[in-house]
């Protein structure tokens, strides 16, 4: 077996410090393995019916789907309205506080 030139890593350097060269494990040579044969599935031809002979399926969607969508949309709109109202209250409170600060600063300048 020919000697392979490898760059020592921190782990191999530490191993050389801790274990004498006689006791170090020899590197494992890569053994070539033959690829395993893949199982083959039996070929099955799908049966595709002629569209002219197949009766059309009824295109009725359940009313529950529409009602759920309407309910969820209504809930989302109500949530957005509530969030907008909270934001409006917050902005009004900030505006009120800024006005109070401005009034205090103007009083300080007048003195």
PDB file of N, CA and C in Angstrom:
ATOM      1  N   UNK A   1       0.848  -1.173   0.000  1.00  0.00           N
ATOM      2  CA  UNK A   1       0.000   0.000   0.000  1.00  0.00           C
ATOM      3  C   UNK A   1       0.886   1.225   0.000  1.00  0.00           C
ATOM      4  N   UNK A   2       0.604   2.195  -0.878  1.00  0.00           N
ATOM      5  CA  UNK A   2       1.413   3.401  -0.986  1.00  0.00           C
ATOM      6  C   UNK A   2       1.043   4.354   0.137  1.00  0.00           C
ATOM      7  N   UNK A   3       2.015   5.084   0.606  1.00  0.00           N
ATOM      8  CA  UNK A   3       1.784   6.045   1.681  1.00  0.00           C
ATOM      9  C   UNK A   3       1.033   7.245   1.127  1.00  0.00           C
ATOM     10  N   UNK A   4      -0.075   7.593   1.775  1.00  0.00           N
ATOM     11  CA  UNK A   4      -0.880   8.735   1.335  1.00  0.00           C
ATOM     12  C   UNK A   4      -0.383   9.986   2.056  1.00  0.00           C
ATOM     13  N   UNK A   5      -0.317  11.099   1.335  1.00  0.00           N
ATOM     14  CA  UNK A   5       0.083  12.352   1.986  1.00  0.00           C
ATOM     15  C   UNK A   5      -1.190  13.070   2.409  1.00  0.00           C
ATOM     16  N   UNK A   6      -1.333  13.253   3.717  1.00  0.00           N
ATOM     17  CA  UNK A   6      -2.514  13.937   4.242  1.00  0.00           C
ATOM     18  C   UNK A   6      -2.071  15.115   5.068  1.00  0.00           C
ATOM     19  N   UNK A   7      -2.890  16.108   5.095  1.00  0.00           N
ATOM     20  CA  UNK A   7      -2.621  17.288   5.909  1.00  0.00           C
ATOM     21  C   UNK A   7      -3.112  16.977   7.313  1.00  0.00           C
ATOM     22  N   UNK A   8      -2.250  17.123   8.315  1.00  0.00           N
ATOM     23  CA  UNK A   8      -2.690  16.804   9.670  1.00  0.00           C
ATOM     24  C   UNK A   8      -3.702  17.832  10.161  1.00  0.00           C
ATOM     25  N   UNK A   9      -4.732  17.341  10.768  1.00  0.00           N
ATOM     26  CA  UNK A   9      -5.737  18.222  11.348  1.00  0.00           C
ATOM     27  C   UNK A   9      -5.472  18.347  12.830  1.00  0.00           C
ATOM     28  N   UNK A  10      -6.230  19.219  13.474  1.00  0.00           N
ATOM     29  CA  UNK A  10      -6.059  19.418  14.910  1.00  0.00           C
ATOM     30  C   UNK A  10      -6.341  18.126  15.660  1.00  0.00           C
ATOM     31  N   UNK A  11      -7.305  17.356  15.172  1.00  0.00           N
ATOM     32  CA  UNK A  11      -7.637  16.096  15.846  1.00  0.00           C
ATOM     33  C   UNK A  11      -6.504  15.089  15.722  1.00  0.00           C
ATOM     34  N   UNK A  12      -5.855  15.007  14.554  1.00  0.00           N
ATOM     35  CA  UNK A  12      -4.774  14.036  14.403  1.00  0.00           C
ATOM     36  C   UNK A  12      -3.548  14.481  15.184  1.00  0.00           C
ATOM     37  N   UNK A  13      -3.320  15.771  15.275  1.00  0.00           N
ATOM     38  CA  UNK A  13      -2.183  16.267  16.061  1.00  0.00           C
ATOM     39  C   UNK A  13      -2.393  15.936  17.524  1.00  0.00           C
ATOM     40  N   UNK A  14      -3.636  16.154  18.033  1.00  0.00           N
ATOM     41  CA  UNK A  14      -3.935  15.823  19.420  1.00  0.00           C
ATOM     42  C   UNK A  14      -3.805  14.325  19.651  1.00  0.00           C
ATOM     43  N   UNK A  15      -4.237  13.521  18.686  1.00  0.00           N
ATOM     44  CA  UNK A  15      -4.139  12.078  18.817  1.00  0.00           C
ATOM     45  C   UNK A  15      -2.679  11.643  18.884  1.00  0.00           C
ATOM     46  N   UNK A  16      -1.824  12.269  18.074  1.00  0.00           N
ATOM     47  CA  UNK A  16      -0.399  11.924  18.085  1.00  0.00           C
ATOM     48  C   UNK A  16       0.239  12.292  19.414  1.00  0.00           C
ATOM     49  N   UNK A  17      -0.234  13.366  20.048  1.00  0.00           N
ATOM     50  CA  UNK A  17       0.326  13.762  21.336  1.00  0.00           C
ATOM     51  C   UNK A  17      -0.084  12.785  22.432  1.00  0.00           C
ATOM     52  N   UNK A  18      -1.343  12.292  22.345  1.00  0.00           N
ATOM     53  CA  UNK A  18      -1.864  11.459  23.416  1.00  0.00           C
ATOM     54  C   UNK A  18      -1.503   9.989  23.268  1.00  0.00           C
ATOM     55  N   UNK A  19      -1.463   9.466  22.040  1.00  0.00           N
ATOM     56  CA  UNK A  19      -1.251   8.037  21.814  1.00  0.00           C
ATOM     57  C   UNK A  19       0.054   7.860  21.042  1.00  0.00           C
ATOM     58  N   UNK A  20       0.952   6.959  21.515  1.00  0.00           N
ATOM     59  CA  UNK A  20       2.180   6.713  20.761  1.00  0.00           C
ATOM     60  C   UNK A  20       1.852   6.177  19.369  1.00  0.00           C
ATOM     61  N   UNK A  21       2.789   6.376  18.436  1.00  0.00           N
ATOM     62  CA  UNK A  21       2.580   5.997  17.043  1.00  0.00           C
ATOM     63  C   UNK A  21       2.303   4.510  16.886  1.00  0.00           C
ATOM     64  N   UNK A  22       2.876   3.669  17.770  1.00  0.00           N
ATOM     65  CA  UNK A  22       2.676   2.241  17.638  1.00  0.00           C
ATOM     66  C   UNK A  22       1.226   1.849  17.944  1.00  0.00           C
ATOM     67  N   UNK A  23       0.544   2.627  18.811  1.00  0.00           N
ATOM     68  CA  UNK A  23      -0.791   2.261  19.247  1.00  0.00           C
ATOM     69  C   UNK A  23      -1.885   2.949  18.441  1.00  0.00           C
ATOM     70  N   UNK A  24      -1.544   3.881  17.541  1.00  0.00           N
ATOM     71  CA  UNK A  24      -2.558   4.605  16.782  1.00  0.00           C
ATOM     72  C   UNK A  24      -3.211   3.668  15.782  1.00  0.00           C
ATOM     73  N   UNK A  25      -4.485   3.826  15.579  1.00  0.00           N
ATOM     74  CA  UNK A  25      -5.177   2.976  14.605  1.00  0.00           C
ATOM     75  C   UNK A  25      -4.751   3.341  13.194  1.00  0.00           C
ATOM     76  N   UNK A  26      -4.687   2.327  12.356  1.00  0.00           N
ATOM     77  CA  UNK A  26      -4.305   2.585  10.972  1.00  0.00           C
ATOM     78  C   UNK A  26      -5.523   3.083  10.211  1.00  0.00           C
ATOM     79  N   UNK A  27      -5.292   3.962   9.226  1.00  0.00           N
ATOM     80  CA  UNK A  27      -6.448   4.463   8.467  1.00  0.00           C
ATOM     81  C   UNK A  27      -7.086   3.335   7.679  1.00  0.00           C
ATOM     82  N   UNK A  28      -8.394   3.361   7.609  1.00  0.00           N
ATOM     83  CA  UNK A  28      -9.140   2.320   6.919  1.00  0.00           C
ATOM     84  C   UNK A  28      -9.151   2.650   5.436  1.00  0.00           C
ATOM     85  N   UNK A  29      -8.751   1.684   4.623  1.00  0.00           N
ATOM     86  CA  UNK A  29      -8.739   1.898   3.180  1.00  0.00           C
ATOM     87  C   UNK A  29     -10.168   1.785   2.667  1.00  0.00           C
ATOM     88  N   UNK A  30     -10.468   2.589   1.693  1.00  0.00           N
ATOM     89  CA  UNK A  30     -11.803   2.563   1.120  1.00  0.00           C
ATOM     90  C   UNK A  30     -11.946   1.318   0.263  1.00  0.00           C
ATOM     91  N   UNK A  31     -12.946   0.504   0.572  1.00  0.00           N
ATOM     92  CA  UNK A  31     -13.171  -0.704  -0.200  1.00  0.00           C
ATOM     93  C   UNK A  31     -14.259  -0.423  -1.208  1.00  0.00           C
ATOM     94  N   UNK A  32     -13.984  -0.726  -2.471  1.00  0.00           N
ATOM     95  CA  UNK A  32     -15.020  -0.462  -3.471  1.00  0.00           C
ATOM     96  C   UNK A  32     -16.174  -1.440  -3.292  1.00  0.00           C
ATOM     97  N   UNK A  33     -17.380  -0.924  -3.368  1.00  0.00           N
ATOM     98  CA  UNK A  33     -18.555  -1.768  -3.242  1.00  0.00           C
ATOM     99  C   UNK A  33     -19.358  -1.664  -4.528  1.00  0.00           C
ATOM    100  N   UNK A  34     -19.940  -2.763  -4.898  1.00  0.00           N
ATOM    101  CA  UNK A  34     -20.756  -2.788  -6.114  1.00  0.00           C
ATOM    102  C   UNK A  34     -22.108  -2.165  -5.799  1.00  0.00           C
ATOM    103  N   UNK A  35     -22.647  -1.377  -6.715  1.00  0.00           N
ATOM    104  CA  UNK A  35     -23.963  -0.768  -6.446  1.00  0.00           C
ATOM    105  C   UNK A  35     -25.031  -1.853  -6.388  1.00  0.00           C
ATOM    106  N   UNK A  36     -25.962  -1.665  -5.475  1.00  0.00           N
ATOM    107  CA  UNK A  36     -27.040  -2.625  -5.306  1.00  0.00           C
ATOM    108  C   UNK A  36     -28.043  -2.451  -6.441  1.00  0.00           C
ATOM    109  N   UNK A  37     -28.565  -3.537  -6.966  1.00  0.00           N
ATOM    110  CA  UNK A  37     -29.568  -3.402  -8.032  1.00  0.00           C
ATOM    111  C   UNK A  37     -30.860  -2.841  -7.471  1.00  0.00           C
ATOM    112  N   UNK A  38     -31.463  -1.923  -8.215  1.00  0.00           N
ATOM    113  CA  UNK A  38     -32.714  -1.312  -7.782  1.00  0.00           C
ATOM    114  C   UNK A  38     -33.880  -2.179  -8.208  1.00  0.00           C
ATOM    115  N   UNK A  39     -34.867  -2.341  -7.327  1.00  0.00           N
ATOM    116  CA  UNK A  39     -36.023  -3.146  -7.714  1.00  0.00           C
ATOM    117  C   UNK A  39     -36.815  -2.412  -8.799  1.00  0.00           C
ATOM    118  N   UNK A  40     -37.315  -3.150  -9.733  1.00  0.00           N
ATOM    119  CA  UNK A  40     -38.091  -2.542 -10.810  1.00  0.00           C
ATOM    120  C   UNK A  40     -39.560  -2.816 -10.573  1.00  0.00           C
ATOM    121  N   UNK A  41     -40.374  -1.796 -10.834  1.00  0.00           N
ATOM    122  CA  UNK A  41     -41.815  -1.938 -10.658  1.00  0.00           C
ATOM    123  C   UNK A  41     -42.401  -2.539 -11.924  1.00  0.00           C
ATOM    124  N   UNK A  42     -43.420  -3.360 -11.780  1.00  0.00           N
ATOM    125  CA  UNK A  42     -44.063  -3.908 -12.976  1.00  0.00           C
ATOM    126  C   UNK A  42     -44.724  -2.785 -13.762  1.00  0.00           C
ATOM    127  N   UNK A  43     -44.638  -2.875 -15.060  1.00  0.00           N
ATOM    128  CA  UNK A  43     -45.217  -1.805 -15.869  1.00  0.00           C
ATOM    129  C   UNK A  43     -46.718  -2.004 -15.965  1.00  0.00           C
ATOM    130  N   UNK A  44     -47.444  -0.928 -15.619  1.00  0.00           N
ATOM    131  CA  UNK A  44     -48.894  -0.953 -15.645  1.00  0.00           C
ATOM    132  C   UNK A  44     -49.347   0.194 -16.528  1.00  0.00           C
ATOM    133  N   UNK A  45     -50.181  -0.096 -17.492  1.00  0.00           N
ATOM    134  CA  UNK A  45     -50.703   0.937 -18.362  1.00  0.00           C
ATOM    135  C   UNK A  45     -51.985   1.475 -17.742  1.00  0.00           C
ATOM    136  N   UNK A  46     -52.024   2.789 -17.426  1.00  0.00           N
ATOM    137  CA  UNK A  46     -53.234   3.333 -16.801  1.00  0.00           C
ATOM    138  C   UNK A  46     -54.386   3.364 -17.800  1.00  0.00           C
ATOM    139  N   UNK A  47     -55.578   3.124 -17.292  1.00  0.00           N
ATOM    140  CA  UNK A  47     -56.770   3.148 -18.122  1.00  0.00           C
ATOM    141  C   UNK A  47     -57.335   4.562 -18.083  1.00  0.00           C
ATOM    142  N   UNK A  48     -57.355   5.212 -19.236  1.00  0.00           N
ATOM    143  CA  UNK A  48     -57.878   6.568 -19.332  1.00  0.00           C
ATOM    144  C   UNK A  48     -59.183   6.499 -20.103  1.00  0.00           C
ATOM    145  N   UNK A  49     -60.299   6.825 -19.435  1.00  0.00           N
ATOM    146  CA  UNK A  49     -61.584   6.731 -20.128  1.00  0.00           C
ATOM    147  C   UNK A  49     -61.736   7.849 -21.163  1.00  0.00           C
ATOM    148  N   UNK A  50     -62.544   7.600 -22.141  1.00  0.00           N
ATOM    149  CA  UNK A  50     -62.829   8.577 -23.181  1.00  0.00           C
ATOM    150  C   UNK A  50     -63.710   9.678 -22.581  1.00  0.00           C
ATOM    151  N   UNK A  51     -63.304  10.954 -22.707  1.00  0.00           N
ATOM    152  CA  UNK A  51     -64.086  12.036 -22.100  1.00  0.00           C
ATOM    153  C   UNK A  51     -65.508  12.114 -22.630  1.00  0.00           C
ATOM    154  N   UNK A  52     -65.750  11.670 -23.843  1.00  0.00           N
ATOM    155  CA  UNK A  52     -67.098  11.753 -24.391  1.00  0.00           C
ATOM    156  C   UNK A  52     -68.037  10.772 -23.710  1.00  0.00           C
ATOM    157  N   UNK A  53     -67.518   9.658 -23.199  1.00  0.00           N
ATOM    158  CA  UNK A  53     -68.374   8.642 -22.590  1.00  0.00           C
ATOM    159  C   UNK A  53     -68.536   8.830 -21.084  1.00  0.00           C
ATOM    160  N   UNK A  54     -67.707   9.658 -20.471  1.00  0.00           N
ATOM    161  CA  UNK A  54     -67.778   9.857 -19.023  1.00  0.00           C
ATOM    162  C   UNK A  54     -68.816  10.934 -18.734  1.00  0.00           C
ATOM    163  N   UNK A  55     -69.784  10.652 -17.851  1.00  0.00           N
ATOM    164  CA  UNK A  55     -70.778  11.681 -17.527  1.00  0.00           C
ATOM    165  C   UNK A  55     -70.122  12.796 -16.718  1.00  0.00           C
ATOM    166  N   UNK A  56     -70.578  14.010 -16.941  1.00  0.00           N
ATOM    167  CA  UNK A  56     -70.019  15.168 -16.237  1.00  0.00           C
ATOM    168  C   UNK A  56     -70.401  15.111 -14.766  1.00  0.00           C
ATOM    169  N   UNK A  57     -69.436  15.383 -13.915  1.00  0.00           N
ATOM    170  CA  UNK A  57     -69.685  15.393 -12.483  1.00  0.00           C
ATOM    171  C   UNK A  57     -70.448  16.661 -12.134  1.00  0.00           C
ATOM    172  N   UNK A  58     -71.342  16.575 -11.176  1.00  0.00           N
ATOM    173  CA  UNK A  58     -72.083  17.786 -10.794  1.00  0.00           C
ATOM    174  C   UNK A  58     -71.125  18.810 -10.201  1.00  0.00           C
ATOM    175  N   UNK A  59     -71.256  20.032 -10.627  1.00  0.00           N
ATOM    176  CA  UNK A  59     -70.335  21.083 -10.185  1.00  0.00           C
ATOM    177  C   UNK A  59     -70.944  21.898  -9.062  1.00  0.00           C
ATOM    178  N   UNK A  60     -71.500  21.216  -8.086  1.00  0.00           N
ATOM    179  CA  UNK A  60     -72.068  21.924  -6.942  1.00  0.00           C
ATOM    180  C   UNK A  60     -71.039  21.934  -5.837  1.00  0.00           C
ATOM    181  N   UNK A  61     -70.694  23.116  -5.380  1.00  0.00           N
ATOM    182  CA  UNK A  61     -69.791  23.222  -4.240  1.00  0.00           C
ATOM    183  C   UNK A  61     -70.649  23.349  -2.998  1.00  0.00           C
ATOM    184  N   UNK A  62     -70.222  22.748  -1.934  1.00  0.00           N
ATOM    185  CA  UNK A  62     -71.020  22.824  -0.702  1.00  0.00           C
ATOM    186  C   UNK A  62     -71.168  24.271  -0.248  1.00  0.00           C
ATOM    187  N   UNK A  63     -72.338  24.568   0.268  1.00  0.00           N
ATOM    188  CA  UNK A  63     -72.604  25.920   0.757  1.00  0.00           C
ATOM    189  C   UNK A  63     -71.751  26.230   1.979  1.00  0.00           C
ATOM    190  N   UNK A  64     -71.321  25.187   2.699  1.00  0.00           N
ATOM    191  CA  UNK A  64     -70.515  25.398   3.904  1.00  0.00           C
ATOM    192  C   UNK A  64     -69.191  26.062   3.559  1.00  0.00           C
ATOM    193  N   UNK A  65     -68.581  25.710   2.407  1.00  0.00           N
ATOM    194  CA  UNK A  65     -67.310  26.320   2.025  1.00  0.00           C
ATOM    195  C   UNK A  65     -67.458  27.836   1.880  1.00  0.00           C
ATOM    196  N   UNK A  66     -68.533  28.265   1.215  1.00  0.00           N
ATOM    197  CA  UNK A  66     -68.747  29.694   1.018  1.00  0.00           C
ATOM    198  C   UNK A  66     -69.036  30.383   2.339  1.00  0.00           C
ATOM    199  N   UNK A  67     -69.800  29.750   3.192  1.00  0.00           N
ATOM    200  CA  UNK A  67     -70.131  30.388   4.468  1.00  0.00           C
ATOM    201  C   UNK A  67     -68.891  30.500   5.355  1.00  0.00           C
ATOM    202  N   UNK A  68     -68.030  29.481   5.311  1.00  0.00           N
ATOM    203  CA  UNK A  68     -66.790  29.556   6.095  1.00  0.00           C
ATOM    204  C   UNK A  68     -65.902  30.675   5.570  1.00  0.00           C
ATOM    205  N   UNK A  69     -65.802  30.782   4.254  1.00  0.00           N
ATOM    206  CA  UNK A  69     -64.979  31.840   3.670  1.00  0.00           C
ATOM    207  C   UNK A  69     -65.524  33.202   4.054  1.00  0.00           C
ATOM    208  N   UNK A  70     -66.839  33.353   4.011  1.00  0.00           N
ATOM    209  CA  UNK A  70     -67.459  34.624   4.376  1.00  0.00           C
ATOM    210  C   UNK A  70     -67.218  34.937   5.848  1.00  0.00           C
ATOM    211  N   UNK A  71     -67.357  33.922   6.693  1.00  0.00           N
ATOM    212  CA  UNK A  71     -67.152  34.131   8.132  1.00  0.00           C
ATOM    213  C   UNK A  71     -65.707  34.512   8.427  1.00  0.00           C
ATOM    214  N   UNK A  72     -64.763  33.830   7.780  1.00  0.00           N
ATOM    215  CA  UNK A  72     -63.349  34.154   8.010  1.00  0.00           C
ATOM    216  C   UNK A  72     -63.008  35.547   7.500  1.00  0.00           C
ATOM    217  N   UNK A  73     -63.552  35.907   6.353  1.00  0.00           N
ATOM    218  CA  UNK A  73     -63.294  37.242   5.797  1.00  0.00           C
ATOM    219  C   UNK A  73     -63.885  38.315   6.712  1.00  0.00           C
ATOM    220  N   UNK A  74     -65.091  38.069   7.229  1.00  0.00           N
ATOM    221  CA  UNK A  74     -65.719  39.020   8.149  1.00  0.00           C
ATOM    222  C   UNK A  74     -64.892  39.166   9.416  1.00  0.00           C
ATOM    223  N   UNK A  75     -64.394  38.031   9.918  1.00  0.00           N
ATOM    224  CA  UNK A  75     -63.561  38.082  11.125  1.00  0.00           C
ATOM    225  C   UNK A  75     -62.269  38.846  10.857  1.00  0.00           C
ATOM    226  N   UNK A  76     -61.668  38.634   9.695  1.00  0.00           N
ATOM    227  CA  UNK A  76     -60.438  39.340   9.349  1.00  0.00           C
ATOM    228  C   UNK A  76     -60.686  40.847   9.246  1.00  0.00           C
ATOM    229  N   UNK A  77     -61.783  41.230   8.624  1.00  0.00           N
ATOM    230  CA  UNK A  77     -62.102  42.655   8.493  1.00  0.00           C
ATOM    231  C   UNK A  77     -62.365  43.281   9.863  1.00  0.00           C
ATOM    232  N   UNK A  78     -63.065  42.546  10.739  1.00  0.00           N
ATOM    233  CA  UNK A  78     -63.322  43.052  12.090  1.00  0.00           C
ATOM    234  C   UNK A  78     -62.008  43.225  12.848  1.00  0.00           C
ATOM    235  N   UNK A  79     -61.090  42.287  12.666  1.00  0.00           N
ATOM    236  CA  UNK A  79     -59.787  42.377  13.327  1.00  0.00           C
ATOM    237  C   UNK A  79     -59.006  43.582  12.808  1.00  0.00           C
ATOM    238  N   UNK A  80     -59.012  43.771  11.492  1.00  0.00           N
ATOM    239  CA  UNK A  80     -58.305  44.918  10.921  1.00  0.00           C
ATOM    240  C   UNK A  80     -58.900  46.231  11.411  1.00  0.00           C
ATOM    241  N   UNK A  81     -60.229  46.294  11.534  1.00  0.00           N
ATOM    242  CA  UNK A  81     -60.873  47.506  12.041  1.00  0.00           C
ATOM    243  C   UNK A  81     -60.473  47.765  13.491  1.00  0.00           C
ATOM    244  N   UNK A  82     -60.451  46.714  14.301  1.00  0.00           N
ATOM    245  CA  UNK A  82     -60.057  46.873  15.709  1.00  0.00           C
ATOM    246  C   UNK A  82     -58.609  47.342  15.818  1.00  0.00           C
ATOM    247  N   UNK A  83     -57.730  46.777  14.980  1.00  0.00           N
ATOM    248  CA  UNK A  83     -56.324  47.190  15.005  1.00  0.00           C
ATOM    249  C   UNK A  83     -56.174  48.647  14.557  1.00  0.00           C
ATOM    250  N   UNK A  84     -56.949  49.067  13.568  1.00  0.00           N
ATOM    251  CA  UNK A  84     -56.890  50.453  13.101  1.00  0.00           C
ATOM    252  C   UNK A  84     -57.375  51.410  14.185  1.00  0.00           C
ATOM    253  N   UNK A  85     -58.416  51.011  14.919  1.00  0.00           N
ATOM    254  CA  UNK A  85     -58.905  51.855  16.004  1.00  0.00           C
ATOM    255  C   UNK A  85     -57.861  51.984  17.111  1.00  0.00           C
ATOM    256  N   UNK A  86     -57.200  50.873  17.461  1.00  0.00           N
ATOM    257  CA  UNK A  86     -56.147  50.931  18.486  1.00  0.00           C
ATOM    258  C   UNK A  86     -54.998  51.822  18.034  1.00  0.00           C
ATOM    259  N   UNK A  87     -54.618  51.693  16.766  1.00  0.00           N
ATOM    260  CA  UNK A  87     -53.535  52.522  16.230  1.00  0.00           C
ATOM    261  C   UNK A  87     -53.931  53.996  16.271  1.00  0.00           C
ATOM    262  N   UNK A  88     -55.176  54.284  15.935  1.00  0.00           N
ATOM    263  CA  UNK A  88     -55.658  55.661  15.962  1.00  0.00           C
ATOM    264  C   UNK A  88     -55.604  56.217  17.388  1.00  0.00           C
ATOM    265  N   UNK A  89     -56.038  55.426  18.373  1.00  0.00           N
ATOM    266  CA  UNK A  89     -55.975  55.872  19.767  1.00  0.00           C
ATOM    267  C   UNK A  89     -54.540  56.143  20.184  1.00  0.00           C
ATOM    268  N   UNK A  90     -53.633  55.261  19.786  1.00  0.00           N
ATOM    269  CA  UNK A  90     -52.226  55.419  20.132  1.00  0.00           C
ATOM    270  C   UNK A  90     -51.659  56.698  19.513  1.00  0.00           C
ATOM    271  N   UNK A  91     -51.971  56.937  18.253  1.00  0.00           N
ATOM    272  CA  UNK A  91     -51.470  58.141  17.593  1.00  0.00           C
ATOM    273  C   UNK A  91     -52.045  59.410  18.224  1.00  0.00           C
ATOM    274  N   UNK A  92     -53.320  59.361  18.614  1.00  0.00           N
ATOM    275  CA  UNK A  92     -53.913  60.529  19.280  1.00  0.00           C
ATOM    276  C   UNK A  92     -53.248  60.789  20.627  1.00  0.00           C
ATOM    277  N   UNK A  93     -52.944  59.705  21.350  1.00  0.00           N
ATOM    278  CA  UNK A  93     -52.270  59.860  22.645  1.00  0.00           C
ATOM    279  C   UNK A  93     -50.865  60.433  22.448  1.00  0.00           C
ATOM    280  N   UNK A  94     -50.155  59.961  21.428  1.00  0.00           N
ATOM    281  CA  UNK A  94     -48.832  60.510  21.145  1.00  0.00           C
ATOM    282  C   UNK A  94     -48.914  61.981  20.773  1.00  0.00           C
ATOM    283  N   UNK A  95     -49.913  62.323  19.976  1.00  0.00           N
ATOM    284  CA  UNK A  95     -50.076  63.719  19.581  1.00  0.00           C
ATOM    285  C   UNK A  95     -50.353  64.593  20.804  1.00  0.00           C
ATOM    286  N   UNK A  96     -51.183  64.104  21.716  1.00  0.00           N
ATOM    287  CA  UNK A  96     -51.490  64.843  22.937  1.00  0.00           C
ATOM    288  C   UNK A  96     -50.226  65.038  23.789  1.00  0.00           C
ATOM    289  N   UNK A  97     -49.415  63.972  23.921  1.00  0.00           N
ATOM    290  CA  UNK A  97     -48.181  64.085  24.701  1.00  0.00           C
ATOM    291  C   UNK A  97     -47.186  65.050  24.038  1.00  0.00           C
ATOM    292  N   UNK A  98     -47.083  65.002  22.724  1.00  0.00           N
ATOM    293  CA  UNK A  98     -46.180  65.933  22.016  1.00  0.00           C
ATOM    294  C   UNK A  98     -46.632  67.372  22.197  1.00  0.00           C
ATOM    295  N   UNK A  99     -47.936  67.594  22.203  1.00  0.00           N
ATOM    296  CA  UNK A  99     -48.450  68.948  22.410  1.00  0.00           C
ATOM    297  C   UNK A  99     -48.131  69.425  23.825  1.00  0.00           C
ATOM    298  N   UNK A 100     -48.259  68.529  24.809  1.00  0.00           N
ATOM    299  CA  UNK A 100     -47.920  68.896  26.192  1.00  0.00           C
ATOM    300  C   UNK A 100     -46.436  69.229  26.302  1.00  0.00           C
ATOM    301  N   UNK A 101     -45.578  68.441  25.654  1.00  0.00           N
ATOM    302  CA  UNK A 101     -44.138  68.726  25.691  1.00  0.00           C
ATOM    303  C   UNK A 101     -43.837  70.063  25.036  1.00  0.00           C
ATOM    304  N   UNK A 102     -44.491  70.348  23.932  1.00  0.00           N
ATOM    305  CA  UNK A 102     -44.280  71.606  23.235  1.00  0.00           C
ATOM    306  C   UNK A 102     -44.715  72.779  24.111  1.00  0.00           C
ATOM    307  N   UNK A 103     -45.848  72.628  24.790  1.00  0.00           N
ATOM    308  CA  UNK A 103     -46.315  73.687  25.695  1.00  0.00           C
ATOM    309  C   UNK A 103     -45.322  73.917  26.827  1.00  0.00           C
ATOM    310  N   UNK A 104     -44.803  72.840  27.414  1.00  0.00           N
ATOM    311  CA  UNK A 104     -43.829  72.980  28.497  1.00  0.00           C
ATOM    312  C   UNK A 104     -42.550  73.659  28.006  1.00  0.00           C
ATOM    313  N   UNK A 105     -42.084  73.298  26.829  1.00  0.00           N
ATOM    314  CA  UNK A 105     -40.862  73.899  26.285  1.00  0.00           C
ATOM    315  C   UNK A 105     -41.075  75.386  25.996  1.00  0.00           C
ATOM    316  N   UNK A 106     -42.252  75.747  25.520  1.00  0.00           N
ATOM    317  CA  UNK A 106     -42.520  77.160  25.252  1.00  0.00           C
ATOM    318  C   UNK A 106     -42.589  77.949  26.560  1.00  0.00           C
ATOM    319  N   UNK A 107     -43.155  77.356  27.614  1.00  0.00           N
ATOM    320  CA  UNK A 107     -43.192  78.035  28.917  1.00  0.00           C
ATOM    321  C   UNK A 107     -41.768  78.246  29.453  1.00  0.00           C
ATOM    322  N   UNK A 108     -40.893  77.253  29.250  1.00  0.00           N
ATOM    323  CA  UNK A 108     -39.522  77.374  29.732  1.00  0.00           C
ATOM    324  C   UNK A 108     -38.797  78.479  28.985  1.00  0.00           C
ATOM    325  N   UNK A 109     -39.075  78.651  27.712  1.00  0.00           N
ATOM    326  CA  UNK A 109     -38.390  79.687  26.927  1.00  0.00           C
ATOM    327  C   UNK A 109     -38.882  81.078  27.292  1.00  0.00           C
ATOM    328  N   UNK A 110     -40.120  81.206  27.700  1.00  0.00           N
ATOM    329  CA  UNK A 110     -40.676  82.504  28.049  1.00  0.00           C
ATOM    330  C   UNK A 110     -40.046  83.009  29.330  1.00  0.00           C
ATOM    331  N   UNK A 111     -39.729  82.174  30.260  1.00  0.00           N
ATOM    332  CA  UNK A 111     -39.155  82.610  31.532  1.00  0.00           C
ATOM    333  C   UNK A 111     -37.812  83.189  31.396  1.00  0.00           C
TER     334      UNK A 111
END
